[in-house]
Amino acid sequence: MSAWLGRLCVPAVRAVCARRAVRGAGDGWRGAWPAPHRAFGPRWSVTRSLSVSLSTTIEYKELKDLLKKDGVVLIDVREPWEIKEYGIIKGSVNIPLGDLMSALQMTPKMFEEKYHKKFPDKSSTLVFSCLTGIRSGKALGVATLLGYDRVQHYVGGFEDWTKHELPEKKP
């Protein structure tokens, strides 16, 4: 069922986002994921969430194993105040969800200067994390839209991580 819905709604989402990206920031669009109610109506977010295949979601143990490999970039899409207040998963880079689209379109040099991490190329595996897995699911859609095909999101998020390990505190 979700594969069928994915074939229907992902191309439509890409088309709407591409039209908005072409119009640019002059019309009020800031590069963030379009608001569901503005894109397709109130049921859009439900349909979109069904189209994310289960293979793109990972849990704690899978994430731990994945982080041992090269070419894996863990991106925490929470806001900076959340990172300062609660901490972050060690080794992850904080890119707030609203900044994600522009960050993944930066030059490698600009990205490294701003985030102090190597720029993820299209062959990298991107894993998104947030507090409970909602924003990371949206981030997965943004990365897919930009051409990244090796993307996953940690469904339990930071909340689940802290049940297993202590977070790293950022000053």
Protein backbone atom coordinates (compact mmCIF):
# COMPACT_ATOMS: atom_id res chain seq x y z
CA MET A 1 0.00 0.00 0.00
CA SER A 2 2.71 2.52 0.96
CA ALA A 3 4.69 1.78 -2.22
CA TRP A 4 1.60 2.54 -4.28
CA LEU A 5 0.95 5.79 -2.43
CA GLY A 6 4.62 6.69 -2.76
CA ARG A 7 4.43 6.46 -6.53
CA LEU A 8 1.41 8.75 -6.49
CA CYS A 9 2.39 11.43 -4.01
CA VAL A 10 6.19 11.79 -4.20
CA PRO A 11 6.22 12.98 -7.86
CA ALA A 12 3.41 15.43 -7.04
CA VAL A 13 5.31 16.75 -4.03
CA ARG A 14 8.46 17.16 -6.13
CA ALA A 15 6.53 19.09 -8.76
CA VAL A 16 5.07 21.52 -6.22
CA CYS A 17 8.44 22.04 -4.52
CA ALA A 18 10.19 22.53 -7.84
CA ARG A 19 7.68 25.22 -8.83
CA ARG A 20 8.20 26.95 -5.50
CA ALA A 21 11.99 26.71 -5.80
CA VAL A 22 11.89 28.28 -9.27
CA ARG A 23 9.80 31.18 -7.99
CA GLY A 24 12.46 31.77 -5.35
CA ALA A 25 12.57 33.67 -2.10
CA GLY A 26 10.99 36.83 -3.52
CA ASP A 27 7.49 35.43 -3.09
CA GLY A 28 7.90 34.59 0.57
CA TRP A 29 9.21 31.05 0.18
CA ARG A 30 12.36 30.58 2.23
CA GLY A 31 13.56 27.19 0.99
CA ALA A 32 11.82 25.16 3.70
CA TRP A 33 9.51 22.25 3.05
CA PRO A 34 6.16 23.58 1.88
CA ALA A 35 3.40 23.73 4.44
CA PRO A 36 1.07 20.74 3.97
CA HIS A 37 -2.10 22.83 3.96
CA ARG A 38 -0.70 25.09 1.24
CA ALA A 39 0.61 22.25 -0.91
CA PHE A 40 -2.29 19.81 -1.18
CA GLY A 41 -4.83 20.40 1.57
CA PRO A 42 -5.20 19.07 5.13
CA ARG A 43 -4.89 15.39 4.21
CA TRP A 44 -1.55 15.83 2.44
CA SER A 45 0.61 15.14 5.51
CA VAL A 46 -1.23 11.89 6.20
CA THR A 47 -0.76 10.74 2.60
CA ARG A 48 2.91 11.80 2.62
CA SER A 49 3.61 9.93 5.84
CA LEU A 50 2.13 6.77 4.33
CA SER A 51 4.38 7.12 1.29
CA VAL A 52 7.60 6.94 3.33
CA SER A 53 8.54 3.32 2.98
CA LEU A 54 9.41 1.34 6.07
CA SER A 55 12.89 0.64 4.71
CA THR A 56 13.80 4.31 5.20
CA THR A 57 13.23 4.16 8.94
CA ILE A 58 15.79 2.81 11.40
CA GLU A 59 15.83 2.12 15.11
CA TYR A 60 18.52 2.46 17.78
CA LYS A 61 20.47 -0.74 17.13
CA GLU A 62 20.48 -0.20 13.37
CA LEU A 63 21.69 3.37 13.87
CA LYS A 64 24.52 2.25 16.17
CA ASP A 65 25.69 -0.27 13.56
CA LEU A 66 25.36 2.25 10.73
CA LEU A 67 27.41 4.91 12.54
CA LYS A 68 30.40 2.54 12.59
CA LYS A 69 30.61 2.73 8.77
CA ASP A 70 32.30 5.37 6.63
CA GLY A 71 30.22 7.68 4.48
CA VAL A 72 27.35 7.96 6.96
CA VAL A 73 26.26 11.45 7.98
CA LEU A 74 23.89 11.83 10.95
CA ILE A 75 21.99 15.12 10.75
CA ASP A 76 20.00 16.36 13.74
CA VAL A 77 17.25 18.67 12.45
CA ARG A 78 16.22 20.09 15.83
CA GLU A 79 16.60 23.79 16.62
CA PRO A 80 19.90 25.02 18.16
CA TRP A 81 18.22 25.84 21.49
CA GLU A 82 17.11 22.20 21.77
CA ILE A 83 20.70 21.04 21.25
CA LYS A 84 21.99 23.42 23.93
CA GLU A 85 19.23 22.47 26.35
CA TYR A 86 19.16 18.69 25.93
CA GLY A 87 22.31 17.65 24.05
CA ILE A 88 22.99 15.84 20.80
CA ILE A 89 23.89 12.38 19.56
CA LYS A 90 27.67 12.20 19.43
CA GLY A 91 29.03 12.66 15.93
CA SER A 92 25.92 14.27 14.47
CA VAL A 93 25.72 17.67 12.83
CA ASN A 94 22.93 20.09 13.72
CA ILE A 95 21.12 21.53 10.71
CA PRO A 96 17.65 22.83 11.67
CA LEU A 97 14.88 21.55 9.41
CA GLY A 98 14.18 25.03 8.04
CA ASP A 99 17.82 25.35 6.91
CA LEU A 100 18.21 21.85 5.51
CA MET A 101 17.33 22.50 1.88
CA SER A 102 19.75 25.41 1.56
CA ALA A 103 22.47 23.55 3.52
CA LEU A 104 22.35 20.56 1.18
CA GLN A 105 22.66 22.91 -1.80
CA MET A 106 25.76 24.74 -0.48
CA THR A 107 29.19 24.33 -1.98
CA PRO A 108 31.31 21.80 -0.06
CA LYS A 109 33.57 24.61 1.18
CA MET A 110 30.67 26.72 2.49
CA PHE A 111 29.13 23.67 4.16
CA GLU A 112 32.38 22.72 5.90
CA GLU A 113 32.93 26.30 7.10
CA LYS A 114 29.44 26.57 8.55
CA TYR A 115 28.91 23.08 9.98
CA HIS A 116 32.50 21.86 10.54
CA LYS A 117 31.73 18.55 8.82
CA LYS A 118 32.50 17.16 5.39
CA PHE A 119 29.80 17.96 2.84
CA PRO A 120 27.66 14.87 2.15
CA ASP A 121 27.78 13.95 -1.51
CA LYS A 122 24.97 12.13 -3.30
CA SER A 123 26.58 8.75 -2.57
CA SER A 124 26.66 9.37 1.20
CA THR A 125 24.14 7.75 3.49
CA LEU A 126 22.19 10.46 5.29
CA VAL A 127 20.41 9.64 8.52
CA PHE A 128 18.11 12.26 9.99
CA SER A 129 17.24 12.59 13.65
CA CYS A 130 15.06 14.95 15.67
CA LEU A 131 13.31 14.70 19.02
CA THR A 132 10.70 12.03 18.26
CA GLY A 133 11.00 11.23 14.55
CA ILE A 134 8.50 13.66 13.05
CA ARG A 135 10.82 16.37 11.73
CA SER A 136 13.35 13.76 10.61
CA GLY A 137 10.66 12.22 8.40
CA LYS A 138 10.14 15.61 6.77
CA ALA A 139 13.91 16.00 6.37
CA LEU A 140 13.96 12.67 4.56
CA GLY A 141 11.55 14.11 2.01
CA VAL A 142 13.71 17.22 1.53
CA ALA A 143 16.86 15.16 0.92
CA THR A 144 15.02 12.88 -1.50
CA LEU A 145 13.77 15.93 -3.38
CA LEU A 146 17.39 17.12 -3.74
CA GLY A 147 18.52 13.82 -5.25
CA TYR A 148 19.86 11.92 -2.24
CA ASP A 149 18.70 8.34 -2.53
CA ARG A 150 20.49 6.79 0.45
CA VAL A 151 18.43 8.47 3.17
CA GLN A 152 16.93 7.17 6.39
CA HIS A 153 15.46 8.60 9.53
CA TYR A 154 15.76 7.52 13.12
CA VAL A 155 12.13 7.02 14.13
CA GLY A 156 12.73 7.11 17.87
CA GLY A 157 14.78 10.26 17.64
CA PHE A 158 16.77 11.86 20.41
CA GLU A 159 14.14 10.82 22.95
CA ASP A 160 14.79 7.14 22.18
CA TRP A 161 18.57 7.63 22.06
CA THR A 162 18.63 8.93 25.64
CA LYS A 163 16.94 5.72 26.81
CA HIS A 164 20.05 3.83 25.64
CA GLU A 165 22.92 6.30 26.00
CA LEU A 166 23.85 9.65 27.46
CA PRO A 167 23.85 12.50 24.95
CA GLU A 168 26.78 14.77 24.23
CA LYS A 169 26.29 18.25 25.68
CA LYS A 170 27.11 21.27 23.51
CA PRO A 171 28.16 24.60 25.10
